Amino acid sequence: ETGKPVWLTVDFLSKDSPSVEYGTFTNRVFDAGATGIRSSKKPRYIIEILEDPNTFGDTSIKADKKYIYRVTAMGFGPRDDIQAVLQVLFRKE
């Protein structure tokens, strides 16, 4: 991996962002908007596929490469400048 991780280059506030809005693929509903005390907008997330450096195995038996998934999500408070970021690494066994 060279340079900055993808999640550090993503502008989660931009509508042109490569991030995905909560509910895009699941049709789940998240109540957000400008009225009351609630999120100013729906959470957004990205999923990156990374080579798993811990599971390449013995190269003499030509073990398959394995991958991990880095999920980064950003949630918003009542204003866009109030943000929380959550990140998790997922390894499928």
PDB file of N, CA and C in Angstrom:
ATOM      1  N   GLU A   1       0.852  -1.171   0.000  1.00  0.00           N
ATOM      2  CA  GLU A   1       0.000   0.000   0.000  1.00  0.00           C
ATOM      3  C   GLU A   1       0.898   1.234   0.000  1.00  0.00           C
ATOM      4  N   THR A   2       0.632   2.148  -0.893  1.00  0.00           N
ATOM      5  CA  THR A   2       1.425   3.368  -0.953  1.00  0.00           C
ATOM      6  C   THR A   2       0.522   4.576  -0.809  1.00  0.00           C
ATOM      7  N   GLY A   3       1.086   5.641  -0.308  1.00  0.00           N
ATOM      8  CA  GLY A   3       0.295   6.855  -0.143  1.00  0.00           C
ATOM      9  C   GLY A   3      -0.692   6.739   1.001  1.00  0.00           C
ATOM     10  N   LYS A   4      -1.666   7.638   0.987  1.00  0.00           N
ATOM     11  CA  LYS A   4      -2.684   7.659   2.039  1.00  0.00           C
ATOM     12  C   LYS A   4      -3.702   6.546   1.836  1.00  0.00           C
ATOM     13  N   PRO A   5      -4.237   6.003   2.932  1.00  0.00           N
ATOM     14  CA  PRO A   5      -5.349   5.054   2.808  1.00  0.00           C
ATOM     15  C   PRO A   5      -6.545   5.752   2.148  1.00  0.00           C
ATOM     16  N   VAL A   6      -7.315   5.010   1.404  1.00  0.00           N
ATOM     17  CA  VAL A   6      -8.449   5.579   0.669  1.00  0.00           C
ATOM     18  C   VAL A   6      -9.380   6.345   1.597  1.00  0.00           C
ATOM     19  N   TRP A   7      -9.650   5.807   2.781  1.00  0.00           N
ATOM     20  CA  TRP A   7     -10.623   6.445   3.664  1.00  0.00           C
ATOM     21  C   TRP A   7     -10.196   7.843   4.089  1.00  0.00           C
ATOM     22  N   LEU A   8      -8.875   8.124   4.056  1.00  0.00           N
ATOM     23  CA  LEU A   8      -8.398   9.461   4.405  1.00  0.00           C
ATOM     24  C   LEU A   8      -8.541  10.448   3.249  1.00  0.00           C
ATOM     25  N   THR A   9      -8.792   9.965   2.056  1.00  0.00           N
ATOM     26  CA  THR A   9      -8.916  10.835   0.885  1.00  0.00           C
ATOM     27  C   THR A   9     -10.374  11.099   0.502  1.00  0.00           C
ATOM     28  N   VAL A  10     -11.301  10.411   1.142  1.00  0.00           N
ATOM     29  CA  VAL A  10     -12.720  10.537   0.799  1.00  0.00           C
ATOM     30  C   VAL A  10     -13.348  11.724   1.524  1.00  0.00           C
ATOM     31  N   ASP A  11     -14.097  12.529   0.781  1.00  0.00           N
ATOM     32  CA  ASP A  11     -14.864  13.619   1.373  1.00  0.00           C
ATOM     33  C   ASP A  11     -16.278  13.097   1.608  1.00  0.00           C
ATOM     34  N   PHE A  12     -16.554  12.660   2.821  1.00  0.00           N
ATOM     35  CA  PHE A  12     -17.850  12.063   3.145  1.00  0.00           C
ATOM     36  C   PHE A  12     -19.005  13.063   3.054  1.00  0.00           C
ATOM     37  N   LEU A  13     -18.706  14.353   3.020  1.00  0.00           N
ATOM     38  CA  LEU A  13     -19.744  15.375   2.929  1.00  0.00           C
ATOM     39  C   LEU A  13     -20.195  15.636   1.490  1.00  0.00           C
ATOM     40  N   SER A  14     -19.379  15.268   0.530  1.00  0.00           N
ATOM     41  CA  SER A  14     -19.675  15.562  -0.874  1.00  0.00           C
ATOM     42  C   SER A  14     -20.649  14.555  -1.472  1.00  0.00           C
ATOM     43  N   LYS A  15     -21.600  15.043  -2.255  1.00  0.00           N
ATOM     44  CA  LYS A  15     -22.529  14.140  -2.946  1.00  0.00           C
ATOM     45  C   LYS A  15     -21.815  13.379  -4.065  1.00  0.00           C
ATOM     46  N   ASP A  16     -20.650  13.877  -4.511  1.00  0.00           N
ATOM     47  CA  ASP A  16     -19.861  13.212  -5.549  1.00  0.00           C
ATOM     48  C   ASP A  16     -18.849  12.240  -4.952  1.00  0.00           C
ATOM     49  N   SER A  17     -18.932  12.031  -3.659  1.00  0.00           N
ATOM     50  CA  SER A  17     -18.010  11.159  -2.944  1.00  0.00           C
ATOM     51  C   SER A  17     -18.181   9.706  -3.383  1.00  0.00           C
ATOM     52  N   PRO A  18     -17.096   8.927  -3.367  1.00  0.00           N
ATOM     53  CA  PRO A  18     -17.241   7.496  -3.651  1.00  0.00           C
ATOM     54  C   PRO A  18     -17.870   6.722  -2.487  1.00  0.00           C
ATOM     55  N   SER A  19     -18.186   7.430  -1.396  1.00  0.00           N
ATOM     56  CA  SER A  19     -18.848   6.773  -0.270  1.00  0.00           C
ATOM     57  C   SER A  19     -20.308   6.522  -0.612  1.00  0.00           C
ATOM     58  N   VAL A  20     -20.926   5.633   0.161  1.00  0.00           N
ATOM     59  CA  VAL A  20     -22.302   5.215  -0.101  1.00  0.00           C
ATOM     60  C   VAL A  20     -23.181   5.649   1.065  1.00  0.00           C
ATOM     61  N   GLU A  21     -24.345   6.165   0.751  1.00  0.00           N
ATOM     62  CA  GLU A  21     -25.290   6.587   1.779  1.00  0.00           C
ATOM     63  C   GLU A  21     -26.002   5.368   2.372  1.00  0.00           C
ATOM     64  N   TYR A  22     -26.185   5.403   3.691  1.00  0.00           N
ATOM     65  CA  TYR A  22     -26.905   4.338   4.388  1.00  0.00           C
ATOM     66  C   TYR A  22     -28.242   4.074   3.689  1.00  0.00           C
ATOM     67  N   GLY A  23     -28.536   2.810   3.424  1.00  0.00           N
ATOM     68  CA  GLY A  23     -29.794   2.412   2.808  1.00  0.00           C
ATOM     69  C   GLY A  23     -29.744   2.277   1.299  1.00  0.00           C
ATOM     70  N   THR A  24     -28.627   2.671   0.680  1.00  0.00           N
ATOM     71  CA  THR A  24     -28.521   2.623  -0.782  1.00  0.00           C
ATOM     72  C   THR A  24     -28.774   1.222  -1.334  1.00  0.00           C
ATOM     73  N   PHE A  25     -28.197   0.210  -0.722  1.00  0.00           N
ATOM     74  CA  PHE A  25     -28.326  -1.159  -1.225  1.00  0.00           C
ATOM     75  C   PHE A  25     -29.363  -1.981  -0.470  1.00  0.00           C
ATOM     76  N   THR A  26     -29.792  -1.494   0.699  1.00  0.00           N
ATOM     77  CA  THR A  26     -30.705  -2.273   1.541  1.00  0.00           C
ATOM     78  C   THR A  26     -32.107  -1.679   1.607  1.00  0.00           C
ATOM     79  N   ASN A  27     -32.262  -0.473   1.110  1.00  0.00           N
ATOM     80  CA  ASN A  27     -33.527   0.263   1.211  1.00  0.00           C
ATOM     81  C   ASN A  27     -33.937   0.534   2.659  1.00  0.00           C
ATOM     82  N   ARG A  28     -32.964   0.458   3.575  1.00  0.00           N
ATOM     83  CA  ARG A  28     -33.247   0.779   4.980  1.00  0.00           C
ATOM     84  C   ARG A  28     -33.443   2.279   5.123  1.00  0.00           C
ATOM     85  N   VAL A  29     -34.241   2.676   6.097  1.00  0.00           N
ATOM     86  CA  VAL A  29     -34.575   4.076   6.299  1.00  0.00           C
ATOM     87  C   VAL A  29     -33.816   4.610   7.507  1.00  0.00           C
ATOM     88  N   PHE A  30     -33.293   5.811   7.384  1.00  0.00           N
ATOM     89  CA  PHE A  30     -32.630   6.510   8.480  1.00  0.00           C
ATOM     90  C   PHE A  30     -33.203   7.915   8.520  1.00  0.00           C
ATOM     91  N   ASP A  31     -33.835   8.272   9.621  1.00  0.00           N
ATOM     92  CA  ASP A  31     -34.492   9.572   9.743  1.00  0.00           C
ATOM     93  C   ASP A  31     -33.443  10.653   9.988  1.00  0.00           C
ATOM     94  N   ALA A  32     -33.217  11.481   8.994  1.00  0.00           N
ATOM     95  CA  ALA A  32     -32.254  12.573   9.104  1.00  0.00           C
ATOM     96  C   ALA A  32     -32.858  13.818   8.473  1.00  0.00           C
ATOM     97  N   GLY A  33     -32.375  14.961   8.897  1.00  0.00           N
ATOM     98  CA  GLY A  33     -32.857  16.204   8.312  1.00  0.00           C
ATOM     99  C   GLY A  33     -32.670  17.373   9.245  1.00  0.00           C
ATOM    100  N   ALA A  34     -33.193  18.501   8.842  1.00  0.00           N
ATOM    101  CA  ALA A  34     -32.939  19.753   9.535  1.00  0.00           C
ATOM    102  C   ALA A  34     -33.889  20.044  10.687  1.00  0.00           C
ATOM    103  N   THR A  35     -34.917  19.223  10.891  1.00  0.00           N
ATOM    104  CA  THR A  35     -35.861  19.529  11.966  1.00  0.00           C
ATOM    105  C   THR A  35     -35.582  18.672  13.191  1.00  0.00           C
ATOM    106  N   GLY A  36     -35.692  19.289  14.352  1.00  0.00           N
ATOM    107  CA  GLY A  36     -35.479  18.558  15.595  1.00  0.00           C
ATOM    108  C   GLY A  36     -34.006  18.246  15.832  1.00  0.00           C
ATOM    109  N   ILE A  37     -33.757  17.496  16.889  1.00  0.00           N
ATOM    110  CA  ILE A  37     -32.381  17.103  17.201  1.00  0.00           C
ATOM    111  C   ILE A  37     -32.160  15.714  16.625  1.00  0.00           C
ATOM    112  N   ARG A  38     -31.637  15.686  15.434  1.00  0.00           N
ATOM    113  CA  ARG A  38     -31.308  14.437  14.766  1.00  0.00           C
ATOM    114  C   ARG A  38     -30.186  14.701  13.781  1.00  0.00           C
ATOM    115  N   SER A  39     -29.694  13.666  13.174  1.00  0.00           N
ATOM    116  CA  SER A  39     -28.584  13.801  12.232  1.00  0.00           C
ATOM    117  C   SER A  39     -28.952  14.728  11.086  1.00  0.00           C
ATOM    118  N   SER A  40     -27.993  15.541  10.698  1.00  0.00           N
ATOM    119  CA  SER A  40     -28.227  16.460   9.585  1.00  0.00           C
ATOM    120  C   SER A  40     -28.338  15.716   8.262  1.00  0.00           C
ATOM    121  N   LYS A  41     -27.725  14.544   8.199  1.00  0.00           N
ATOM    122  CA  LYS A  41     -27.778  13.727   6.990  1.00  0.00           C
ATOM    123  C   LYS A  41     -27.567  12.264   7.347  1.00  0.00           C
ATOM    124  N   LYS A  42     -27.846  11.401   6.408  1.00  0.00           N
ATOM    125  CA  LYS A  42     -27.672   9.966   6.631  1.00  0.00           C
ATOM    126  C   LYS A  42     -26.188   9.622   6.738  1.00  0.00           C
ATOM    127  N   PRO A  43     -25.848   8.587   7.521  1.00  0.00           N
ATOM    128  CA  PRO A  43     -24.459   8.131   7.581  1.00  0.00           C
ATOM    129  C   PRO A  43     -24.000   7.666   6.196  1.00  0.00           C
ATOM    130  N   ARG A  44     -22.688   7.696   5.994  1.00  0.00           N
ATOM    131  CA  ARG A  44     -22.101   7.236   4.727  1.00  0.00           C
ATOM    132  C   ARG A  44     -20.970   6.266   5.063  1.00  0.00           C
ATOM    133  N   TYR A  45     -20.642   5.395   4.117  1.00  0.00           N
ATOM    134  CA  TYR A  45     -19.565   4.434   4.363  1.00  0.00           C
ATOM    135  C   TYR A  45     -18.842   4.068   3.072  1.00  0.00           C
ATOM    136  N   ILE A  46     -17.633   3.532   3.254  1.00  0.00           N
ATOM    137  CA  ILE A  46     -16.876   2.943   2.149  1.00  0.00           C
ATOM    138  C   ILE A  46     -16.365   1.583   2.616  1.00  0.00           C
ATOM    139  N   ILE A  47     -16.142   0.697   1.668  1.00  0.00           N
ATOM    140  CA  ILE A  47     -15.550  -0.615   1.949  1.00  0.00           C
ATOM    141  C   ILE A  47     -14.350  -0.773   1.035  1.00  0.00           C
ATOM    142  N   GLU A  48     -13.182  -1.007   1.632  1.00  0.00           N
ATOM    143  CA  GLU A  48     -11.954  -1.209   0.869  1.00  0.00           C
ATOM    144  C   GLU A  48     -11.545  -2.679   0.963  1.00  0.00           C
ATOM    145  N   ILE A  49     -11.032  -3.227  -0.124  1.00  0.00           N
ATOM    146  CA  ILE A  49     -10.508  -4.593  -0.141  1.00  0.00           C
ATOM    147  C   ILE A  49      -8.986  -4.484  -0.094  1.00  0.00           C
ATOM    148  N   LEU A  50      -8.394  -5.118   0.922  1.00  0.00           N
ATOM    149  CA  LEU A  50      -6.949  -5.064   1.124  1.00  0.00           C
ATOM    150  C   LEU A  50      -6.374  -6.470   1.175  1.00  0.00           C
ATOM    151  N   GLU A  51      -5.160  -6.646   0.663  1.00  0.00           N
ATOM    152  CA  GLU A  51      -4.494  -7.943   0.803  1.00  0.00           C
ATOM    153  C   GLU A  51      -4.226  -8.178   2.280  1.00  0.00           C
ATOM    154  N   ASP A  52      -4.461  -9.396   2.731  1.00  0.00           N
ATOM    155  CA  ASP A  52      -4.237  -9.755   4.129  1.00  0.00           C
ATOM    156  C   ASP A  52      -2.799 -10.235   4.273  1.00  0.00           C
ATOM    157  N   PRO A  53      -1.932  -9.438   4.884  1.00  0.00           N
ATOM    158  CA  PRO A  53      -0.521  -9.806   4.974  1.00  0.00           C
ATOM    159  C   PRO A  53      -0.258 -10.977   5.923  1.00  0.00           C
ATOM    160  N   ASN A  54      -1.228 -11.347   6.725  1.00  0.00           N
ATOM    161  CA  ASN A  54      -1.035 -12.409   7.715  1.00  0.00           C
ATOM    162  C   ASN A  54      -1.459 -13.785   7.235  1.00  0.00           C
ATOM    163  N   THR A  55      -2.006 -13.899   6.031  1.00  0.00           N
ATOM    164  CA  THR A  55      -2.535 -15.201   5.615  1.00  0.00           C
ATOM    165  C   THR A  55      -2.091 -15.626   4.219  1.00  0.00           C
ATOM    166  N   PHE A  56      -0.912 -15.186   3.776  1.00  0.00           N
ATOM    167  CA  PHE A  56      -0.470 -15.601   2.444  1.00  0.00           C
ATOM    168  C   PHE A  56      -0.053 -17.062   2.425  1.00  0.00           C
ATOM    169  N   GLY A  57       0.277 -17.604   3.582  1.00  0.00           N
ATOM    170  CA  GLY A  57       0.605 -19.030   3.647  1.00  0.00           C
ATOM    171  C   GLY A  57       1.970 -19.337   3.074  1.00  0.00           C
ATOM    172  N   ASP A  58       2.215 -20.593   2.884  1.00  0.00           N
ATOM    173  CA  ASP A  58       3.489 -21.099   2.372  1.00  0.00           C
ATOM    174  C   ASP A  58       3.497 -20.952   0.854  1.00  0.00           C
ATOM    175  N   THR A  59       4.386 -20.118   0.347  1.00  0.00           N
ATOM    176  CA  THR A  59       4.430 -19.892  -1.104  1.00  0.00           C
ATOM    177  C   THR A  59       4.862 -21.135  -1.861  1.00  0.00           C
ATOM    178  N   SER A  60       5.511 -22.078  -1.182  1.00  0.00           N
ATOM    179  CA  SER A  60       5.937 -23.299  -1.880  1.00  0.00           C
ATOM    180  C   SER A  60       4.744 -24.167  -2.255  1.00  0.00           C
ATOM    181  N   ILE A  61       3.600 -24.006  -1.555  1.00  0.00           N
ATOM    182  CA  ILE A  61       2.405 -24.777  -1.922  1.00  0.00           C
ATOM    183  C   ILE A  61       1.397 -23.906  -2.678  1.00  0.00           C
ATOM    184  N   LYS A  62       1.855 -22.722  -3.060  1.00  0.00           N
ATOM    185  CA  LYS A  62       1.034 -21.797  -3.845  1.00  0.00           C
ATOM    186  C   LYS A  62      -0.330 -21.517  -3.189  1.00  0.00           C
ATOM    187  N   ALA A  63      -0.265 -21.173  -1.907  1.00  0.00           N
ATOM    188  CA  ALA A  63      -1.491 -20.830  -1.188  1.00  0.00           C
ATOM    189  C   ALA A  63      -2.120 -19.582  -1.805  1.00  0.00           C
ATOM    190  N   ASP A  64      -3.423 -19.573  -1.857  1.00  0.00           N
ATOM    191  CA  ASP A  64      -4.140 -18.423  -2.402  1.00  0.00           C
ATOM    192  C   ASP A  64      -3.980 -17.210  -1.496  1.00  0.00           C
ATOM    193  N   LYS A  65      -3.924 -16.049  -2.115  1.00  0.00           N
ATOM    194  CA  LYS A  65      -3.926 -14.822  -1.334  1.00  0.00           C
ATOM    195  C   LYS A  65      -5.299 -14.657  -0.696  1.00  0.00           C
ATOM    196  N   LYS A  66      -5.296 -14.058   0.464  1.00  0.00           N
ATOM    197  CA  LYS A  66      -6.558 -13.767   1.134  1.00  0.00           C
ATOM    198  C   LYS A  66      -6.661 -12.270   1.327  1.00  0.00           C
ATOM    199  N   TYR A  67      -7.875 -11.827   1.598  1.00  0.00           N
ATOM    200  CA  TYR A  67      -8.128 -10.395   1.689  1.00  0.00           C
ATOM    201  C   TYR A  67      -8.888 -10.059   2.957  1.00  0.00           C
ATOM    202  N   ILE A  68      -8.736  -8.818   3.377  1.00  0.00           N
ATOM    203  CA  ILE A  68      -9.523  -8.277   4.478  1.00  0.00           C
ATOM    204  C   ILE A  68     -10.292  -7.073   3.935  1.00  0.00           C
ATOM    205  N   TYR A  69     -11.346  -6.726   4.613  1.00  0.00           N
ATOM    206  CA  TYR A  69     -12.188  -5.614   4.200  1.00  0.00           C
ATOM    207  C   TYR A  69     -12.140  -4.552   5.290  1.00  0.00           C
ATOM    208  N   ARG A  70     -11.800  -3.333   4.901  1.00  0.00           N
ATOM    209  CA  ARG A  70     -11.785  -2.224   5.840  1.00  0.00           C
ATOM    210  C   ARG A  70     -13.047  -1.401   5.576  1.00  0.00           C
ATOM    211  N   VAL A  71     -13.927  -1.348   6.569  1.00  0.00           N
ATOM    212  CA  VAL A  71     -15.176  -0.599   6.457  1.00  0.00           C
ATOM    213  C   VAL A  71     -15.026   0.662   7.297  1.00  0.00           C
ATOM    214  N   THR A  72     -15.226   1.802   6.665  1.00  0.00           N
ATOM    215  CA  THR A  72     -15.156   3.080   7.354  1.00  0.00           C
ATOM    216  C   THR A  72     -16.507   3.769   7.188  1.00  0.00           C
ATOM    217  N   ALA A  73     -17.111   4.145   8.307  1.00  0.00           N
ATOM    218  CA  ALA A  73     -18.422   4.803   8.278  1.00  0.00           C
ATOM    219  C   ALA A  73     -18.329   6.152   8.993  1.00  0.00           C
ATOM    220  N   MET A  74     -19.070   7.124   8.480  1.00  0.00           N
ATOM    221  CA  MET A  74     -19.144   8.428   9.129  1.00  0.00           C
ATOM    222  C   MET A  74     -20.596   8.772   9.402  1.00  0.00           C
ATOM    223  N   GLY A  75     -20.863   9.121  10.654  1.00  0.00           N
ATOM    224  CA  GLY A  75     -22.184   9.584  11.042  1.00  0.00           C
ATOM    225  C   GLY A  75     -22.115  11.072  11.348  1.00  0.00           C
ATOM    226  N   PHE A  76     -23.264  11.719  11.340  1.00  0.00           N
ATOM    227  CA  PHE A  76     -23.321  13.166  11.517  1.00  0.00           C
ATOM    228  C   PHE A  76     -24.243  13.528  12.664  1.00  0.00           C
ATOM    229  N   GLY A  77     -23.931  14.638  13.305  1.00  0.00           N
ATOM    230  CA  GLY A  77     -24.781  15.179  14.353  1.00  0.00           C
ATOM    231  C   GLY A  77     -25.797  16.135  13.759  1.00  0.00           C
ATOM    232  N   PRO A  78     -26.367  17.006  14.593  1.00  0.00           N
ATOM    233  CA  PRO A  78     -27.362  17.955  14.097  1.00  0.00           C
ATOM    234  C   PRO A  78     -26.790  18.949  13.081  1.00  0.00           C
ATOM    235  N   ARG A  79     -25.454  19.119  13.082  1.00  0.00           N
ATOM    236  CA  ARG A  79     -24.775  19.952  12.080  1.00  0.00           C
ATOM    237  C   ARG A  79     -23.755  19.078  11.348  1.00  0.00           C
ATOM    238  N   ASP A  80     -23.456  19.433  10.098  1.00  0.00           N
ATOM    239  CA  ASP A  80     -22.495  18.660   9.310  1.00  0.00           C
ATOM    240  C   ASP A  80     -21.099  18.614   9.927  1.00  0.00           C
ATOM    241  N   ASP A  81     -20.741  19.634  10.727  1.00  0.00           N
ATOM    242  CA  ASP A  81     -19.401  19.664  11.305  1.00  0.00           C
ATOM    243  C   ASP A  81     -19.292  18.815  12.577  1.00  0.00           C
ATOM    244  N   ILE A  82     -20.379  18.208  13.005  1.00  0.00           N
ATOM    245  CA  ILE A  82     -20.346  17.256  14.120  1.00  0.00           C
ATOM    246  C   ILE A  82     -20.348  15.868  13.503  1.00  0.00           C
ATOM    247  N   GLN A  83     -19.220  15.173  13.650  1.00  0.00           N
ATOM    248  CA  GLN A  83     -19.040  13.906  12.942  1.00  0.00           C
ATOM    249  C   GLN A  83     -18.447  12.848  13.865  1.00  0.00           C
ATOM    250  N   ALA A  84     -18.766  11.608  13.570  1.00  0.00           N
ATOM    251  CA  ALA A  84     -18.165  10.472  14.262  1.00  0.00           C
ATOM    252  C   ALA A  84     -17.764   9.460  13.203  1.00  0.00           C
ATOM    253  N   VAL A  85     -16.566   8.899  13.344  1.00  0.00           N
ATOM    254  CA  VAL A  85     -16.065   7.918  12.385  1.00  0.00           C
ATOM    255  C   VAL A  85     -15.853   6.597  13.108  1.00  0.00           C
ATOM    256  N   LEU A  86     -16.294   5.541  12.467  1.00  0.00           N
ATOM    257  CA  LEU A  86     -16.109   4.189  12.977  1.00  0.00           C
ATOM    258  C   LEU A  86     -15.422   3.379  11.892  1.00  0.00           C
ATOM    259  N   GLN A  87     -14.439   2.573  12.299  1.00  0.00           N
ATOM    260  CA  GLN A  87     -13.729   1.766  11.313  1.00  0.00           C
ATOM    261  C   GLN A  87     -13.556   0.354  11.868  1.00  0.00           C
ATOM    262  N   VAL A  88     -13.716  -0.630  10.991  1.00  0.00           N
ATOM    263  CA  VAL A  88     -13.563  -2.026  11.393  1.00  0.00           C
ATOM    264  C   VAL A  88     -12.870  -2.782  10.271  1.00  0.00           C
ATOM    265  N   LEU A  89     -12.049  -3.754  10.639  1.00  0.00           N
ATOM    266  CA  LEU A  89     -11.449  -4.678   9.672  1.00  0.00           C
ATOM    267  C   LEU A  89     -12.183  -5.989   9.773  1.00  0.00           C
ATOM    268  N   PHE A  90     -12.552  -6.546   8.625  1.00  0.00           N
ATOM    269  CA  PHE A  90     -13.307  -7.795   8.575  1.00  0.00           C
ATOM    270  C   PHE A  90     -12.528  -8.815   7.777  1.00  0.00           C
ATOM    271  N   ARG A  91     -12.321  -9.976   8.359  1.00  0.00           N
ATOM    272  CA  ARG A  91     -11.616 -11.062   7.686  1.00  0.00           C
ATOM    273  C   ARG A  91     -12.569 -12.241   7.590  1.00  0.00           C
ATOM    274  N   LYS A  92     -12.833 -12.688   6.388  1.00  0.00           N
ATOM    275  CA  LYS A  92     -13.698 -13.848   6.182  1.00  0.00           C
ATOM    276  C   LYS A  92     -12.846 -15.105   6.268  1.00  0.00           C
ATOM    277  N   GLU A  93     -13.209 -15.999   7.151  1.00  0.00           N
ATOM    278  CA  GLU A  93     -12.442 -17.241   7.335  1.00  0.00           C
ATOM    279  C   GLU A  93     -12.981 -18.334   6.456  1.00  0.00           C
TER     280      GLU A  93
END
